[in-house]
Amino acid sequence: MNPSVNTAAHRSLAFGTKLKVTNRNNGRSVVVRVNDRGPFIRGRVLDLSRAAAQNIGMVSSGTAKVCYEVIS
């Protein structure tokens, strides 16, 4: 996963799937492309690249409650 590109890891979605991810705390959204598998920590659904996390304001907290929807 490239930390400077808006990408994400998901356990089962097909590589190349685009997702709109929204931080539930502040309403900020980013579009990411699934290009990796994971996360492998119980309770987590997505791992975001640093660039994607920065775009939705969750770098300092490290984790956030998010909503996501498949857009293509």
Protein backbone atom coordinates (compact mmCIF):
# COMPACT_ATOMS: atom_id res chain seq x y z
CA MET A 1 0.00 0.00 0.00
CA ASN A 2 1.41 3.38 -1.03
CA PRO A 3 1.01 5.87 1.87
CA SER A 4 0.81 8.89 -0.44
CA VAL A 5 -2.13 7.64 -2.55
CA ASN A 6 -5.79 7.32 -1.47
CA THR A 7 -5.97 3.56 -1.06
CA ALA A 8 -7.43 1.06 1.40
CA ALA A 9 -7.19 -2.53 2.53
CA HIS A 10 -10.30 -4.69 2.91
CA ARG A 11 -10.57 -8.40 3.67
CA SER A 12 -12.95 -9.41 0.88
CA LEU A 13 -13.77 -6.62 -1.59
CA ALA A 14 -12.22 -7.05 -5.03
CA PHE A 15 -9.02 -5.17 -5.77
CA GLY A 16 -9.83 -2.00 -7.70
CA THR A 17 -13.16 -1.44 -5.92
CA LYS A 18 -13.71 2.25 -5.22
CA LEU A 19 -15.18 3.27 -1.87
CA LYS A 20 -16.42 6.55 -0.49
CA VAL A 21 -15.25 6.60 3.14
CA THR A 22 -16.75 9.16 5.54
CA ASN A 23 -15.44 9.98 9.00
CA ARG A 24 -18.51 9.89 11.26
CA ASN A 25 -16.97 12.36 13.73
CA ASN A 26 -16.48 15.25 11.30
CA GLY A 27 -18.37 14.33 8.10
CA ARG A 28 -15.28 14.53 5.87
CA SER A 29 -15.12 12.03 2.99
CA VAL A 30 -12.52 10.59 0.63
CA VAL A 31 -12.70 8.19 -2.32
CA VAL A 32 -10.23 5.31 -2.06
CA ARG A 33 -9.37 2.26 -4.14
CA VAL A 34 -8.99 -1.17 -2.53
CA ASN A 35 -5.53 -2.52 -3.37
CA ASP A 36 -4.56 -4.60 -0.34
CA ARG A 37 -5.90 -7.21 2.09
CA GLY A 38 -6.53 -6.54 5.74
CA PRO A 39 -6.98 -5.29 8.35
CA PHE A 40 -6.17 -8.24 10.54
CA ILE A 41 -7.16 -6.64 13.84
CA ARG A 42 -10.52 -7.72 15.24
CA GLY A 43 -13.22 -5.07 14.95
CA ARG A 44 -11.62 -3.18 12.08
CA VAL A 45 -13.11 -3.24 8.60
CA LEU A 46 -10.77 -0.97 6.61
CA ASP A 47 -7.15 0.13 6.74
CA LEU A 48 -6.62 3.48 5.03
CA SER A 49 -3.39 4.83 3.58
CA ARG A 50 -1.89 7.83 5.36
CA ALA A 51 -3.05 10.16 2.55
CA ALA A 52 -6.66 8.94 2.84
CA ALA A 53 -6.58 9.17 6.64
CA GLN A 54 -5.21 12.71 6.40
CA ASN A 55 -8.00 13.72 4.00
CA ILE A 56 -10.69 12.72 6.49
CA GLY A 57 -8.91 14.05 9.56
CA MET A 58 -8.01 10.87 11.41
CA VAL A 59 -4.20 10.79 11.35
CA SER A 60 -3.76 12.11 14.88
CA SER A 61 -6.30 9.70 16.40
CA GLY A 62 -5.08 6.70 14.40
CA THR A 63 -8.55 5.17 14.24
CA ALA A 64 -12.03 6.51 13.63
CA LYS A 65 -15.56 5.31 13.18
CA VAL A 66 -16.31 5.55 9.47
CA CYS A 67 -19.09 4.73 7.04
CA TYR A 68 -18.24 3.47 3.59
CA GLU A 69 -20.13 2.81 0.41
CA VAL A 70 -19.07 1.05 -2.77
CA ILE A 71 -19.18 3.50 -5.68
CA SER A 72 -17.70 1.27 -8.42
